[in-house]
Protein backbone atom coordinates (compact mmCIF):
# COMPACT_ATOMS: atom_id res chain seq x y z
CA UNK A 1 22.77 -33.24 1.96
CA UNK A 2 25.34 -36.04 1.93
CA UNK A 3 27.18 -38.19 4.51
CA UNK A 4 30.31 -40.18 3.56
CA UNK A 5 33.22 -42.02 5.18
CA UNK A 6 35.81 -40.10 3.16
CA UNK A 7 38.58 -38.71 5.47
CA UNK A 8 37.58 -35.28 6.69
CA UNK A 9 40.69 -33.35 5.62
CA UNK A 10 40.41 -34.74 2.09
CA UNK A 11 36.73 -33.79 1.96
CA UNK A 12 37.60 -30.32 3.29
CA UNK A 13 40.08 -29.74 0.47
CA UNK A 14 37.43 -30.68 -2.08
CA UNK A 15 34.82 -28.47 -0.42
CA UNK A 16 37.09 -25.42 -0.35
CA UNK A 17 39.12 -25.85 -3.53
CA UNK A 18 37.29 -28.30 -5.78
CA UNK A 19 40.22 -30.75 -5.59
CA UNK A 20 41.65 -33.02 -2.89
CA UNK A 21 45.21 -32.68 -4.21
CA UNK A 22 46.14 -29.19 -2.99
CA UNK A 23 48.00 -29.06 0.36
CA UNK A 24 46.52 -26.84 3.05
CA UNK A 25 48.25 -24.44 5.46
CA UNK A 26 46.36 -24.48 8.76
CA UNK A 27 46.24 -21.52 11.16
CA UNK A 28 44.77 -21.98 14.65
CA UNK A 29 43.71 -18.36 15.21
CA UNK A 30 41.25 -19.19 17.98
CA UNK A 31 38.63 -16.71 19.23
CA UNK A 32 38.67 -14.89 15.90
CA UNK A 33 35.40 -13.36 17.12
CA UNK A 34 37.56 -10.82 18.96
CA UNK A 35 38.61 -9.47 15.55
CA UNK A 36 35.15 -9.72 13.98
CA UNK A 37 33.53 -7.92 16.88
CA UNK A 38 36.29 -5.41 17.58
CA UNK A 39 34.29 -2.45 16.31
CA UNK A 40 30.87 -3.68 17.48
CA UNK A 41 29.16 -2.22 20.54
CA UNK A 42 27.85 -4.72 23.05
CA UNK A 43 28.31 -5.34 26.74
CA UNK A 44 31.15 -3.50 28.54
CA UNK A 45 34.49 -5.23 27.86
CA UNK A 46 37.67 -5.87 29.78
CA UNK A 47 41.23 -5.42 28.54
CA UNK A 48 43.74 -8.14 27.68
CA UNK A 49 44.01 -10.88 30.27
CA UNK A 50 46.28 -13.83 30.89
CA UNK A 51 43.51 -15.93 29.31
CA UNK A 52 44.38 -14.51 25.91
CA UNK A 53 47.83 -16.09 26.17
CA UNK A 54 46.19 -19.45 26.89
CA UNK A 55 43.76 -19.17 23.99
CA UNK A 56 46.53 -18.20 21.57
CA UNK A 57 48.42 -21.43 22.34
CA UNK A 58 45.40 -23.43 21.28
CA UNK A 59 46.98 -23.05 17.83
CA UNK A 60 48.58 -26.46 18.44
CA UNK A 61 45.21 -28.19 17.95
CA UNK A 62 45.72 -27.83 14.20
CA UNK A 63 48.51 -30.43 14.38
CA UNK A 64 46.00 -33.27 14.59
CA UNK A 65 43.62 -31.90 11.96
CA UNK A 66 46.11 -31.48 9.09
CA UNK A 67 47.26 -34.35 6.89
CA UNK A 68 50.88 -35.39 6.23
CA UNK A 69 51.08 -33.30 3.04
CA UNK A 70 49.71 -30.20 4.78
CA UNK A 71 51.39 -27.44 6.80
CA UNK A 72 50.61 -25.95 10.21
CA UNK A 73 51.77 -22.52 11.37
CA UNK A 74 52.55 -22.45 15.11
CA UNK A 75 53.63 -19.80 17.59
CA UNK A 76 56.33 -22.06 19.01
CA UNK A 77 57.83 -25.49 18.40
CA UNK A 78 55.91 -28.31 20.13
CA UNK A 79 57.44 -30.39 22.89
CA UNK A 80 59.62 -32.96 21.02
CA UNK A 81 58.53 -35.80 23.31
CA UNK A 82 54.88 -35.03 22.54
CA UNK A 83 55.58 -35.11 18.80
CA UNK A 84 57.43 -38.42 19.17
CA UNK A 85 54.50 -39.87 21.12
CA UNK A 86 51.98 -38.84 18.45
CA UNK A 87 54.12 -40.36 15.71
CA UNK A 88 54.46 -43.58 17.72
CA UNK A 89 50.64 -43.81 17.66
CA UNK A 90 50.87 -43.94 13.87
CA UNK A 91 49.56 -40.40 13.34
CA UNK A 92 51.10 -38.84 10.22
CA UNK A 93 51.95 -35.28 11.24
CA UNK A 94 52.06 -32.23 8.92
CA UNK A 95 55.01 -29.98 8.09
CA UNK A 96 55.63 -27.40 10.82
CA UNK A 97 56.09 -23.67 10.15
CA UNK A 98 57.15 -21.78 13.28
CA UNK A 99 56.90 -18.02 13.76
CA UNK A 100 60.18 -16.11 14.19
CA UNK A 101 58.98 -14.72 17.51
CA UNK A 102 55.82 -14.83 19.56
CA UNK A 103 53.94 -12.39 21.75
CA UNK A 104 51.68 -14.30 24.20
CA UNK A 105 48.85 -11.82 23.58
CA UNK A 106 49.07 -12.12 19.78
CA UNK A 107 47.26 -14.71 17.70
CA UNK A 108 49.36 -17.02 15.57
CA UNK A 109 48.40 -14.91 12.54
CA UNK A 110 49.59 -11.69 14.14
CA UNK A 111 52.90 -13.33 15.07
CA UNK A 112 53.24 -14.70 11.53
CA UNK A 113 52.81 -11.21 10.09
CA UNK A 114 55.74 -10.11 12.26
CA UNK A 115 58.01 -13.00 11.18
CA UNK A 116 60.14 -12.25 8.06
CA UNK A 117 61.68 -15.73 7.85
CA UNK A 118 58.29 -17.42 8.16
CA UNK A 119 56.76 -15.06 5.60
CA UNK A 120 59.52 -16.08 3.16
CA UNK A 121 58.76 -19.77 3.73
CA UNK A 122 55.06 -19.18 3.21
CA UNK A 123 55.71 -17.15 0.05
CA UNK A 124 57.47 -20.20 -1.39
CA UNK A 125 54.11 -22.03 -1.09
CA UNK A 126 52.23 -19.46 -3.21
CA UNK A 127 50.43 -21.28 -6.01
CA UNK A 128 51.18 -24.61 -4.34
CA UNK A 129 49.11 -24.60 -1.14
CA UNK A 130 46.08 -22.75 0.25
CA UNK A 131 45.55 -21.08 3.62
CA UNK A 132 42.88 -22.49 5.98
CA UNK A 133 42.48 -20.42 9.17
CA UNK A 134 40.33 -21.37 12.15
CA UNK A 135 38.24 -18.40 10.96
CA UNK A 136 38.95 -15.65 8.44
CA UNK A 137 39.41 -12.06 9.63
CA UNK A 138 41.26 -9.11 8.09
CA UNK A 139 44.46 -10.45 9.69
CA UNK A 140 44.31 -13.68 7.70
CA UNK A 141 43.51 -11.72 4.53
CA UNK A 142 46.63 -9.62 5.21
CA UNK A 143 48.74 -12.78 5.61
CA UNK A 144 47.43 -14.15 2.32
CA UNK A 145 48.19 -10.84 0.58
CA UNK A 146 51.72 -10.66 2.05
CA UNK A 147 52.65 -14.21 1.04
CA UNK A 148 50.62 -14.85 -2.10
CA UNK A 149 49.15 -18.01 -0.53
CA UNK A 150 45.47 -17.93 -1.46
CA UNK A 151 42.78 -18.16 1.21
CA UNK A 152 40.71 -21.31 0.89
CA UNK A 153 37.22 -20.21 1.80
CA UNK A 154 35.12 -17.09 2.11
CA UNK A 155 36.49 -13.55 2.58
CA UNK A 156 36.58 -11.88 6.00
CA UNK A 157 33.55 -9.68 5.33
CA UNK A 158 31.36 -12.70 4.59
CA UNK A 159 32.73 -14.63 7.56
CA UNK A 160 32.00 -11.76 9.91
CA UNK A 161 28.50 -11.27 8.50
CA UNK A 162 27.45 -14.90 9.01
CA UNK A 163 29.04 -15.39 12.44
CA UNK A 164 27.15 -12.84 14.51
CA UNK A 165 24.51 -14.14 16.90
CA UNK A 166 22.11 -11.60 15.40
CA UNK A 167 22.56 -13.33 12.03
CA UNK A 168 21.98 -16.75 13.66
CA UNK A 169 18.73 -15.62 15.23
CA UNK A 170 17.44 -13.96 12.08
CA UNK A 171 18.00 -16.88 9.74
CA UNK A 172 16.70 -19.41 12.27
CA UNK A 173 13.52 -17.32 12.43
CA UNK A 174 13.39 -17.13 8.65
CA UNK A 175 13.78 -20.91 8.35
CA UNK A 176 11.22 -21.68 11.06
CA UNK A 177 13.71 -23.37 13.39
CA UNK A 178 12.82 -23.52 17.09
CA UNK A 179 14.52 -20.94 19.33
CA UNK A 180 14.08 -19.46 22.78
CA UNK A 181 12.07 -16.23 22.99
CA UNK A 182 14.33 -13.28 22.22
CA UNK A 183 15.02 -9.97 20.53
CA UNK A 184 17.88 -8.55 18.47
CA UNK A 185 19.16 -5.10 19.40
CA UNK A 186 21.13 -3.10 16.83
CA UNK A 187 20.34 0.27 18.43
CA UNK A 188 19.79 1.52 21.97
CA UNK A 189 16.19 2.20 21.00
CA UNK A 190 15.71 -1.48 20.08
CA UNK A 191 17.29 -2.38 23.44
CA UNK A 192 14.69 -0.21 25.21
CA UNK A 193 11.92 -2.29 23.66
CA UNK A 194 13.69 -5.60 24.40
CA UNK A 195 14.22 -4.61 28.02
CA UNK A 196 10.47 -4.08 28.46
CA UNK A 197 9.85 -7.63 27.19
CA UNK A 198 12.65 -8.94 29.43
CA UNK A 199 11.06 -7.27 32.48
CA UNK A 200 7.86 -9.19 31.79
CA UNK A 201 9.82 -12.46 31.71
CA UNK A 202 11.59 -11.62 34.97
CA UNK A 203 8.31 -10.67 36.64
CA UNK A 204 6.98 -14.09 35.68
CA UNK A 205 9.92 -15.77 37.44
CA UNK A 206 11.91 -16.47 34.28
CA UNK A 207 15.61 -15.79 33.65
CA UNK A 208 17.01 -13.74 30.77
CA UNK A 209 20.43 -13.52 29.16
CA UNK A 210 22.17 -10.69 27.32
CA UNK A 211 24.58 -11.81 24.59
CA UNK A 212 27.14 -9.90 22.56
CA UNK A 213 26.66 -10.75 18.92
CA UNK A 214 30.35 -11.71 18.68
CA UNK A 215 30.89 -13.09 22.16
CA UNK A 216 32.81 -16.37 22.48
CA UNK A 217 33.62 -18.89 25.23
CA UNK A 218 31.37 -17.25 27.79
CA UNK A 219 32.70 -13.75 27.12
CA UNK A 220 29.97 -11.25 26.34
CA UNK A 221 27.29 -13.32 28.05
CA UNK A 222 25.37 -12.02 31.06
CA UNK A 223 22.66 -14.04 32.82
CA UNK A 224 20.11 -11.85 34.67
CA UNK A 225 17.58 -12.99 37.25
CA UNK A 226 16.24 -9.73 38.67
CA UNK A 227 14.94 -6.43 37.32
CA UNK A 228 17.42 -4.35 39.32
CA UNK A 229 20.39 -5.91 37.53
CA UNK A 230 18.66 -5.56 34.17
CA UNK A 231 18.03 -1.88 34.85
CA UNK A 232 21.64 -1.33 35.88
CA UNK A 233 22.98 -2.74 32.60
CA UNK A 234 20.32 -0.90 30.61
CA UNK A 235 21.34 2.44 32.17
CA UNK A 236 25.04 1.75 31.66
CA UNK A 237 24.55 1.11 27.93
CA UNK A 238 22.42 4.26 27.66
CA UNK A 239 25.10 6.37 29.36
CA UNK A 240 27.71 5.08 26.96
CA UNK A 241 25.51 5.95 23.99
CA UNK A 242 24.79 9.42 25.39
CA UNK A 243 28.48 10.14 25.98
CA UNK A 244 29.62 8.95 22.55
CA UNK A 245 26.59 9.93 20.49
CA UNK A 246 26.75 6.42 18.97
CA UNK A 247 23.51 4.53 19.50
CA UNK A 248 24.58 1.37 17.64
CA UNK A 249 24.48 -2.02 19.41
CA UNK A 250 25.19 -5.64 18.53
CA UNK A 251 23.32 -7.43 21.29
CA UNK A 252 20.66 -10.08 21.90
CA UNK A 253 18.20 -10.34 24.77
CA UNK A 254 16.80 -13.86 25.20
CA UNK A 255 15.01 -16.06 27.68
CA UNK A 256 17.40 -18.42 29.46
CA UNK A 257 15.51 -21.68 28.91
CA UNK A 258 15.76 -24.98 30.75
CA UNK A 259 17.94 -27.61 29.09
CA UNK A 260 19.32 -31.06 29.86
CA UNK A 261 22.05 -31.47 27.24
CA UNK A 262 24.14 -29.15 25.08
CA UNK A 263 24.92 -30.32 21.55
CA UNK A 264 27.37 -29.35 18.84
CA UNK A 265 26.91 -30.47 15.27
CA UNK A 266 28.99 -29.74 12.21
CA UNK A 267 28.46 -29.64 8.48
CA UNK A 268 30.58 -28.50 5.54
CA UNK A 269 29.36 -26.20 2.77
CA UNK A 270 30.94 -26.94 -0.64
CA UNK A 271 31.85 -24.57 -3.46
CA UNK A 272 28.85 -25.79 -5.48
CA UNK A 273 26.46 -25.14 -2.58
CA UNK A 274 26.28 -28.78 -1.51
CA UNK A 275 26.13 -29.58 2.20
CA UNK A 276 27.78 -32.55 3.94
CA UNK A 277 26.65 -33.50 7.47
CA UNK A 278 29.80 -34.30 9.46
CA UNK A 279 28.69 -35.24 13.00
CA UNK A 280 26.79 -34.36 16.17
CA UNK A 281 28.32 -34.57 19.66
CA UNK A 282 27.26 -33.83 23.19
CA UNK A 283 28.96 -30.61 24.30
CA UNK A 284 30.29 -30.31 27.85
CA UNK A 285 29.91 -26.69 28.99
CA UNK A 286 30.01 -24.68 32.21
CA UNK A 287 28.63 -21.14 32.39
CA UNK A 288 28.58 -20.87 28.62
CA UNK A 289 32.25 -21.90 28.38
CA UNK A 290 33.24 -24.92 26.32
CA UNK A 291 34.85 -27.73 28.35
CA UNK A 292 34.75 -30.71 26.01
CA UNK A 293 32.64 -33.22 24.05
CA UNK A 294 31.17 -36.69 24.56
CA UNK A 295 30.80 -39.08 21.65
CA UNK A 296 28.39 -40.48 20.61
CA UNK A 297 25.72 -37.94 21.48
CA UNK A 298 23.11 -40.62 22.24
CA UNK A 299 20.25 -38.94 20.38
CA UNK A 300 16.99 -40.63 19.48
CA UNK A 301 16.22 -41.12 15.80
CA UNK A 302 13.71 -38.24 15.99
CA UNK A 303 16.22 -35.88 17.59
CA UNK A 304 18.90 -36.82 15.07
CA UNK A 305 16.48 -36.25 12.18
CA UNK A 306 15.77 -32.71 13.46
CA UNK A 307 19.50 -31.97 13.73
CA UNK A 308 20.25 -33.28 10.24
CA UNK A 309 17.35 -31.39 8.65
CA UNK A 310 18.43 -28.20 10.43
CA UNK A 311 21.97 -28.66 9.10
CA UNK A 312 20.63 -29.05 5.56
CA UNK A 313 18.56 -25.85 5.58
CA UNK A 314 21.19 -23.82 7.44
CA UNK A 315 23.89 -24.98 5.04
CA UNK A 316 21.81 -24.02 2.03
CA UNK A 317 21.13 -20.58 3.55
CA UNK A 318 24.82 -20.00 4.32
CA UNK A 319 25.75 -20.99 0.77
CA UNK A 320 23.20 -18.48 -0.50
CA UNK A 321 24.96 -15.79 1.55
CA UNK A 322 28.34 -16.65 -0.01
CA UNK A 323 29.86 -18.82 2.72
CA UNK A 324 31.73 -22.06 2.12
CA UNK A 325 33.63 -24.24 4.55
CA UNK A 326 33.15 -25.71 8.02
CA UNK A 327 30.14 -24.70 10.11
CA UNK A 328 29.50 -25.66 13.73
CA UNK A 329 26.13 -25.11 15.36
CA UNK A 330 25.41 -25.10 19.08
CA UNK A 331 22.09 -26.68 20.00
CA UNK A 332 20.41 -28.17 23.07
CA UNK A 333 17.72 -30.53 24.36
CA UNK A 334 14.96 -29.41 26.71
CA UNK A 335 13.82 -31.49 29.71
CA UNK A 336 11.10 -33.13 27.60
CA UNK A 337 13.58 -34.22 24.93
CA UNK A 338 12.66 -31.47 22.49
CA UNK A 339 15.40 -29.97 20.32
CA UNK A 340 16.48 -26.35 20.10
CA UNK A 341 18.46 -26.83 16.86
CA UNK A 342 20.05 -23.36 16.72
CA UNK A 343 21.49 -21.62 19.76
CA UNK A 344 24.18 -20.05 17.61
CA UNK A 345 26.02 -20.62 14.35
CA UNK A 346 29.83 -20.68 14.25
CA UNK A 347 30.85 -20.56 10.59
CA UNK A 348 34.45 -21.54 11.29
CA UNK A 349 36.31 -24.49 12.75
CA UNK A 350 35.09 -25.55 16.19
CA UNK A 351 36.75 -27.39 19.07
CA UNK A 352 34.96 -30.51 17.86
CA UNK A 353 36.53 -30.09 14.40
CA UNK A 354 40.00 -30.74 15.81
CA UNK A 355 38.93 -34.13 17.20
CA UNK A 356 37.99 -35.61 13.82
CA UNK A 357 41.44 -36.95 12.90
CA UNK A 358 41.72 -38.78 16.23
CA UNK A 359 38.24 -40.24 15.80
CA UNK A 360 39.03 -41.47 12.30
CA UNK A 361 42.36 -43.08 13.21
CA UNK A 362 41.98 -44.26 16.80
CA UNK A 363 38.36 -44.87 17.88
CA UNK A 364 36.94 -48.32 17.07
CA UNK A 365 33.34 -48.52 15.84
CA UNK A 366 30.88 -48.60 18.72
CA UNK A 367 33.33 -47.26 21.32
CA UNK A 368 32.89 -44.08 23.36
CA UNK A 369 35.14 -41.02 23.46
CA UNK A 370 35.47 -37.91 25.58
CA UNK A 371 37.41 -34.74 24.74
CA UNK A 372 38.04 -32.55 27.76
CA UNK A 373 40.47 -30.20 29.46
CA UNK A 374 42.20 -30.85 32.77
CA UNK A 375 43.20 -27.81 34.86
CA UNK A 376 46.75 -27.81 36.21
CA UNK A 377 48.60 -25.55 38.63
CA UNK A 378 52.12 -25.14 37.26
CA UNK A 379 55.10 -23.48 38.92
CA UNK A 380 57.77 -24.20 36.29
CA UNK A 381 57.53 -25.46 32.70
CA UNK A 382 56.49 -29.09 32.52
CA UNK A 383 57.81 -31.59 30.01
CA UNK A 384 55.53 -34.00 28.19
CA UNK A 385 57.59 -36.81 29.65
CA UNK A 386 56.41 -35.88 33.16
CA UNK A 387 52.79 -36.21 32.09
CA UNK A 388 53.53 -39.44 30.22
CA UNK A 389 55.15 -40.96 33.30
CA UNK A 390 52.30 -39.83 35.56
CA UNK A 391 49.59 -41.28 33.35
CA UNK A 392 51.39 -44.56 32.78
CA UNK A 393 49.07 -47.18 31.22
CA UNK A 394 46.24 -44.63 30.96
CA UNK A 395 48.08 -42.90 28.10
CA UNK A 396 46.90 -44.43 24.83
CA UNK A 397 49.49 -46.77 23.34
CA UNK A 398 47.88 -47.62 20.02
CA UNK A 399 44.80 -47.64 17.78
CA UNK A 400 42.04 -49.97 18.94
CA UNK A 401 43.03 -49.69 22.60
CA UNK A 402 41.63 -47.75 25.55
CA UNK A 403 43.44 -44.71 26.91
CA UNK A 404 43.97 -40.97 26.54
CA UNK A 405 45.74 -39.05 23.77
CA UNK A 406 47.20 -35.69 24.76
CA UNK A 407 45.62 -33.48 22.11
CA UNK A 408 47.31 -30.19 23.02
CA UNK A 409 50.32 -29.88 25.34
CA UNK A 410 51.38 -26.27 24.67
CA UNK A 411 48.51 -24.95 26.82
CA UNK A 412 50.03 -26.61 29.90
CA UNK A 413 52.85 -24.04 29.99
CA UNK A 414 51.14 -21.16 28.19
CA UNK A 415 50.95 -18.90 31.25
CA UNK A 416 54.19 -19.91 32.98
CA UNK A 417 56.56 -16.95 33.34
CA UNK A 418 59.86 -16.96 35.24
CA UNK A 419 59.60 -15.35 38.66
CA UNK A 420 55.82 -14.83 38.58
CA UNK A 421 54.76 -17.75 40.75
CA UNK A 422 52.20 -20.50 40.07
CA UNK A 423 50.22 -20.35 36.82
CA UNK A 424 47.08 -22.01 35.55
CA UNK A 425 47.65 -24.59 32.84
CA UNK A 426 45.37 -26.77 30.76
CA UNK A 427 45.99 -30.24 29.40
CA UNK A 428 43.62 -31.20 26.59
CA UNK A 429 42.97 -34.92 26.41
CA UNK A 430 41.00 -37.24 24.13
CA UNK A 431 39.83 -40.35 25.99
CA UNK A 432 38.78 -43.61 24.31
CA UNK A 433 37.08 -46.62 25.92
CA UNK A 434 34.70 -49.46 24.96
CA UNK A 435 31.84 -48.09 27.11
CA UNK A 436 30.71 -44.80 28.63
CA UNK A 437 31.13 -46.26 32.12
CA UNK A 438 34.75 -47.23 31.50
CA UNK A 439 35.33 -43.79 29.99
CA UNK A 440 34.09 -42.00 33.11
CA UNK A 441 36.19 -44.20 35.40
CA UNK A 442 39.27 -43.48 33.27
CA UNK A 443 38.52 -39.76 33.35
CA UNK A 444 38.37 -39.75 37.13
CA UNK A 445 41.67 -41.61 37.50
CA UNK A 446 43.42 -39.35 34.99
CA UNK A 447 42.25 -36.26 36.89
CA UNK A 448 43.66 -37.72 40.12
CA UNK A 449 47.01 -38.60 38.54
CA UNK A 450 47.40 -35.18 36.95
CA UNK A 451 46.60 -33.49 40.24
CA UNK A 452 49.31 -35.59 41.86
CA UNK A 453 51.96 -34.73 39.27
CA UNK A 454 51.10 -31.04 39.64
CA UNK A 455 51.60 -31.33 43.39
CA UNK A 456 54.97 -32.94 42.70
CA UNK A 457 56.07 -30.06 40.47
CA UNK A 458 54.87 -27.58 43.11
CA UNK A 459 57.21 -29.06 45.70
């Protein structure tokens, strides 16, 4: 396994295509797990929510991952003041390809497939560029087929196979990597057996968690602390199987273990089976939902060695199963400092992936950084200029300085609809400071200033 200082996007081209010269077309089709797991049976699901519209505007993250010779497909044109700000920081932005129309509940790929003018522009790139989605599903394969722009990476069937939590647990077991106690359930009968084990854990005062194999961002995750609740879910899944006659499941039952820190590490699997270790960061989560990352992770040399060795063996195993490209792994530390190196494998881009370009261009060696989201309450569409004015000197003004870069602005207004009242917005920021203490103080002041500007819009 290698580690180099070569720019990430250049290394990614080489990993996927064998050459660093081919431009890439990035697609931010976040929560692709919804497509992979669409026909899988797990925990009871809910219909479309406003949250889908928010997630679909996370497509704008790809702006700061792509290089100046690359392309990014977006659901809508970014705020021009935000683009001007990023360029003033010296960030070389990619070419923009905007969908003809956008449905808030459609991914960027689905909107692209319904955009004749965009499809024509993409077709002109056939044989010139290659398509790099956040993750590959049948939708991205359809876009590649419609336009002739080749997919850079593994086919959808492989991507789905290696992204399930059942797969993660099985190969971690095979490789001897430490995990919490747990059981995979691919039938209701296997669930029956797992529930008996879970009852023993609950009786001993432990906590258990049920996980959909293709759950993401806290969806399809149910923490259980008493036998009555476990029995209720068990009966509900049985009734569904009895009604449908389909006894298939894609579910895990695990012990919910004590932890002190969540981690996310990334490696890249090359065409020749080589593995490059990219980074490890501390993950900021709440209730299983990603909230951000702290850098550096602050691991001991022993902990880092375990993470790096785990990346090497996991990468080799994924290559053996036909996968190439970016892989993120969620991990955690227990209260004694021990490492659980595999909570789940995400063989796709991760939130941490989209921070790499900012790290490479803007964070001085030895400094600290924090990527996080700030909740906003928005009544009418906000302009980037309003946020810029509110943050004042806290907004980063150049490389080598302290401040925050607005990483994604489209999510601020993603849920705003005329005549529907206040909406929840998110501002994604990337904070840079010489020390962790200065970083936390900056974070607190930014949160206060953003709350104030939201109050101003409300009035």
